[in-house]
Amino acid sequence: MTAETSSGTDADLRAGVIAVQGNVSEHAAAIKRAAFENGFSVIVEQIRQAGVVPNCDLLLLPGGESTTISRLLKREGIDAEIKQHVAAGKPILATCAGLIVSSSDAKDDRVTTLDILDVTVDRNAFGRQKDSFEAPLSIDGIDDPETPFPAVFIRAPLIDAIGDDVSVLAWWDENPVAVRQGPVLATSFHPELTPDDRLHRLAFFAEEIITDSPVHPETDV
């Protein structure tokens, strides 16, 4: 486990990135930029074992191989801690394979989902590695909404069913690719593979997150 801070040693927030697989350092950098732009300092923890998540204000579940991620989360007992994090109203951002693992149904018995997001997904439905692409997205709630977000899709999952409590934030080719349910924001794409940190700001520092989450109980917005 390692920790990084965005400014000094006395951080306002503690963020955790599940470091089983995926672009951990890129997500950590995006979290620190997003925190700085919203007037916070943050320590970023890389999580590979149980006992760290309960101390985190913000949580990020990155991409990788969903079968491997779900297996290791269960084996290490991190899965139960993530569910408790969400139940406490603390924000989490799940990207690509993180979306699959967060879902209520991955339509694959090899993936044990966390069931923290009421969606059904198809793994790799947008194609394999060679079919990766970047697309300009309009995302509800994002800063500077007139400027499209450069979304990078790599072996992206398809959301093919959503529950009544799930809001769609972005669409691509008539498919939902960014959704939110309470403190959980999830994307089919990789927002960390761009210098644009607006998606991380939306996940962790949107007004409703700061107001409703126990993370910033005394913060004026």
Protein backbone atom coordinates (compact mmCIF):
# COMPACT_ATOMS: atom_id res chain seq x y z
CA MET A 1 0.00 0.00 0.00
CA THR A 2 1.33 3.44 -0.90
CA ALA A 3 0.00 6.92 -0.30
CA GLU A 4 0.43 10.18 -2.19
CA THR A 5 -0.75 13.66 -1.24
CA SER A 6 -1.63 16.62 -3.46
CA SER A 7 -0.30 19.28 -1.09
CA GLY A 8 1.74 18.76 2.01
CA THR A 9 1.02 16.16 4.68
CA ASP A 10 -2.18 17.46 6.28
CA ALA A 11 -4.74 16.39 3.68
CA ASP A 12 -8.43 17.28 3.77
CA LEU A 13 -9.44 13.98 2.18
CA ARG A 14 -8.28 10.41 1.82
CA ALA A 15 -8.97 8.69 -1.50
CA GLY A 16 -8.52 5.03 -2.27
CA VAL A 17 -7.84 3.45 -5.65
CA ILE A 18 -8.39 -0.30 -5.86
CA ALA A 19 -4.97 -1.32 -7.16
CA VAL A 20 -5.64 -4.87 -8.34
CA GLN A 21 -5.34 -3.86 -12.01
CA GLY A 22 -5.88 -0.86 -14.24
CA ASN A 23 -4.51 2.66 -14.63
CA VAL A 24 -3.95 3.29 -10.94
CA SER A 25 -1.40 6.11 -11.23
CA GLU A 26 -3.45 7.91 -13.89
CA HIS A 27 -6.54 7.82 -11.68
CA ALA A 28 -4.51 8.99 -8.68
CA ALA A 29 -3.22 11.96 -10.67
CA ALA A 30 -6.74 12.85 -11.85
CA ILE A 31 -8.10 12.69 -8.29
CA LYS A 32 -5.36 15.01 -7.06
CA ARG A 33 -5.98 17.50 -9.86
CA ALA A 34 -9.73 17.42 -9.25
CA ALA A 35 -9.25 17.93 -5.51
CA PHE A 36 -6.86 20.84 -6.04
CA GLU A 37 -9.24 22.55 -8.47
CA ASN A 38 -11.99 22.31 -5.85
CA GLY A 39 -9.86 23.65 -3.02
CA PHE A 40 -9.00 20.36 -1.29
CA SER A 41 -5.82 18.45 -0.63
CA VAL A 42 -5.98 14.67 -0.83
CA ILE A 43 -3.97 11.62 0.10
CA VAL A 44 -4.37 8.81 -2.44
CA GLU A 45 -4.03 5.25 -1.17
CA GLN A 46 -3.41 2.24 -3.42
CA ILE A 47 -5.59 -0.54 -2.03
CA ARG A 48 -4.65 -4.21 -2.33
CA GLN A 49 -5.87 -5.56 0.99
CA ALA A 50 -8.72 -5.19 3.46
CA GLY A 51 -8.66 -2.55 6.18
CA VAL A 52 -7.94 0.51 4.03
CA VAL A 53 -11.33 1.25 2.45
CA PRO A 54 -13.02 2.12 5.78
CA ASN A 55 -10.57 5.02 6.20
CA CYS A 56 -11.24 6.46 2.73
CA ASP A 57 -13.56 9.35 1.92
CA LEU A 58 -13.47 8.74 -1.83
CA LEU A 59 -13.09 5.45 -3.67
CA LEU A 60 -12.18 4.53 -7.22
CA LEU A 61 -12.60 1.16 -8.92
CA PRO A 62 -10.58 1.21 -12.17
CA GLY A 63 -10.51 -0.97 -15.26
CA GLY A 64 -8.68 -4.20 -15.95
CA GLU A 65 -10.04 -7.73 -16.15
CA SER A 66 -13.38 -7.94 -14.35
CA THR A 67 -13.11 -11.65 -13.52
CA THR A 68 -9.71 -11.12 -11.86
CA ILE A 69 -10.79 -7.97 -10.04
CA SER A 70 -13.97 -9.51 -8.62
CA ARG A 71 -12.14 -12.65 -7.51
CA LEU A 72 -9.43 -10.71 -5.65
CA LEU A 73 -11.90 -8.30 -4.05
CA LYS A 74 -13.81 -11.25 -2.64
CA ARG A 75 -10.70 -13.16 -1.58
CA GLU A 76 -9.25 -10.17 0.29
CA GLY A 77 -12.57 -9.13 1.83
CA ILE A 78 -12.48 -5.76 0.09
CA ASP A 79 -15.87 -6.38 -1.54
CA ALA A 80 -17.74 -6.08 1.76
CA GLU A 81 -15.86 -2.88 2.61
CA ILE A 82 -16.81 -1.31 -0.72
CA LYS A 83 -20.47 -2.11 -0.10
CA GLN A 84 -20.23 -0.49 3.35
CA HIS A 85 -18.55 2.57 1.80
CA VAL A 86 -21.49 3.01 -0.59
CA ALA A 87 -24.08 2.30 2.12
CA ALA A 88 -22.53 5.13 4.14
CA GLY A 89 -23.15 7.51 1.24
CA LYS A 90 -19.49 7.99 0.35
CA PRO A 91 -18.73 8.55 -3.35
CA ILE A 92 -17.19 5.97 -5.66
CA LEU A 93 -16.19 6.18 -9.31
CA ALA A 94 -16.12 2.90 -11.26
CA THR A 95 -14.67 2.82 -14.77
CA CYS A 96 -14.83 0.17 -17.51
CA ALA A 97 -14.23 -3.16 -15.70
CA GLY A 98 -15.05 -1.30 -12.49
CA LEU A 99 -18.51 -0.70 -13.93
CA ILE A 100 -18.89 -4.43 -14.62
CA VAL A 101 -17.86 -5.38 -11.09
CA SER A 102 -20.15 -2.71 -9.59
CA SER A 103 -23.21 -3.86 -11.54
CA SER A 104 -26.11 -5.96 -10.37
CA ASP A 105 -25.64 -8.41 -13.24
CA ALA A 106 -22.64 -8.95 -15.52
CA LYS A 107 -24.30 -11.87 -17.33
CA ASP A 108 -21.15 -13.90 -16.65
CA ASP A 109 -20.91 -16.43 -13.82
CA ARG A 110 -17.17 -15.81 -13.57
CA VAL A 111 -17.80 -12.28 -12.28
CA THR A 112 -19.06 -11.86 -8.73
CA THR A 113 -20.61 -8.41 -8.86
CA LEU A 114 -20.83 -5.96 -5.96
CA ASP A 115 -24.46 -5.10 -6.76
CA ILE A 116 -23.98 -1.44 -5.81
CA LEU A 117 -25.33 -0.19 -9.14
CA ASP A 118 -28.66 -1.36 -10.57
CA VAL A 119 -27.54 -2.03 -14.13
CA THR A 120 -27.00 -5.07 -16.33
CA VAL A 121 -23.89 -5.08 -18.52
CA ASP A 122 -22.35 -7.01 -21.40
CA ARG A 123 -18.59 -7.38 -21.06
CA ASN A 124 -16.48 -6.13 -24.00
CA ALA A 125 -19.64 -5.41 -26.01
CA PHE A 126 -18.06 -2.41 -27.75
CA GLY A 127 -15.36 -4.70 -29.19
CA ARG A 128 -11.92 -6.06 -28.36
CA GLN A 129 -8.66 -4.15 -27.90
CA LYS A 130 -8.29 -3.47 -31.64
CA ASP A 131 -11.71 -1.81 -31.67
CA SER A 132 -10.75 0.88 -29.15
CA PHE A 133 -11.79 4.43 -30.00
CA GLU A 134 -12.20 7.95 -28.61
CA ALA A 135 -15.51 9.79 -28.75
CA PRO A 136 -16.61 13.32 -27.76
CA LEU A 137 -19.35 13.05 -25.14
CA SER A 138 -21.87 15.46 -23.69
CA ILE A 139 -22.09 14.59 -19.98
CA ASP A 140 -24.87 15.90 -17.75
CA GLY A 141 -23.64 17.82 -14.71
CA ILE A 142 -20.07 18.23 -15.87
CA ASP A 143 -18.22 21.56 -15.67
CA ASP A 144 -18.12 23.52 -18.95
CA PRO A 145 -20.81 21.31 -20.53
CA GLU A 146 -20.46 22.98 -23.93
CA THR A 147 -17.02 21.39 -24.29
CA PRO A 148 -17.29 17.67 -25.16
CA PHE A 149 -15.51 15.20 -22.90
CA PRO A 150 -12.89 13.10 -24.77
CA ALA A 151 -13.96 9.59 -23.72
CA VAL A 152 -11.58 6.70 -24.43
CA PHE A 153 -13.29 3.32 -24.99
CA ILE A 154 -11.11 0.20 -24.63
CA ARG A 155 -12.86 -3.19 -24.60
CA ALA A 156 -15.76 -1.25 -23.16
CA PRO A 157 -18.79 -2.86 -21.49
CA LEU A 158 -22.29 -2.11 -22.71
CA ILE A 159 -25.01 -1.10 -20.26
CA ASP A 160 -28.10 -2.84 -21.63
CA ALA A 161 -30.55 -2.39 -18.74
CA ILE A 162 -30.86 0.18 -15.95
CA GLY A 163 -32.95 0.33 -12.79
CA ASP A 164 -35.45 3.05 -11.91
CA ASP A 165 -33.03 4.76 -9.51
CA VAL A 166 -30.22 5.03 -12.05
CA SER A 167 -29.69 8.28 -13.97
CA VAL A 168 -28.01 8.28 -17.38
CA LEU A 169 -25.42 11.07 -17.63
CA ALA A 170 -24.04 10.36 -21.10
CA TRP A 171 -24.96 8.41 -24.22
CA TRP A 172 -22.97 7.15 -27.18
CA ASP A 173 -24.59 5.60 -30.25
CA GLU A 174 -27.90 5.40 -28.34
CA ASN A 175 -26.26 3.46 -25.49
CA PRO A 176 -25.78 4.76 -21.92
CA VAL A 177 -22.07 5.07 -21.19
CA ALA A 178 -22.08 7.08 -17.93
CA VAL A 179 -24.59 6.53 -15.13
CA ARG A 180 -25.12 7.55 -11.52
CA GLN A 181 -27.04 6.00 -8.65
CA GLY A 182 -26.66 7.86 -5.37
CA PRO A 183 -22.95 8.09 -4.53
CA VAL A 184 -21.96 5.67 -7.33
CA LEU A 185 -20.87 7.08 -10.69
CA ALA A 186 -19.81 4.57 -13.36
CA THR A 187 -18.58 4.80 -16.93
CA SER A 188 -18.01 2.40 -19.81
CA PHE A 189 -14.96 4.44 -20.82
CA HIS A 190 -11.61 5.43 -19.30
CA PRO A 191 -11.73 9.07 -18.10
CA GLU A 192 -8.23 8.77 -16.63
CA LEU A 193 -6.62 8.44 -20.09
CA THR A 194 -7.03 12.15 -20.80
CA PRO A 195 -5.81 15.29 -19.01
CA ASP A 196 -9.47 16.31 -18.66
CA ASP A 197 -10.41 15.67 -15.02
CA ARG A 198 -14.00 16.91 -15.21
CA LEU A 199 -15.42 13.41 -14.77
CA HIS A 200 -13.45 12.90 -11.54
CA ARG A 201 -14.65 16.30 -10.35
CA LEU A 202 -18.24 15.29 -11.13
CA ALA A 203 -17.84 11.99 -9.28
CA PHE A 204 -16.29 13.39 -6.13
CA PHE A 205 -16.86 17.15 -5.93
CA ALA A 206 -20.25 17.88 -7.49
CA GLU A 207 -22.41 20.03 -5.22
CA GLU A 208 -24.86 17.23 -4.41
CA ILE A 209 -22.00 14.89 -3.49
CA ILE A 210 -20.41 17.44 -1.19
CA THR A 211 -23.77 18.33 0.34
CA ASP A 212 -25.20 14.83 0.79
CA SER A 213 -22.07 12.82 1.56
CA PRO A 214 -20.61 12.40 5.06
CA VAL A 215 -17.24 13.20 3.48
CA HIS A 216 -17.68 16.99 3.77
CA PRO A 217 -20.26 17.49 6.53
CA GLU A 218 -19.18 21.04 7.33
CA THR A 219 -18.15 22.27 3.88
CA ASP A 220 -19.83 25.37 2.47
CA VAL A 221 -20.54 25.11 -1.24
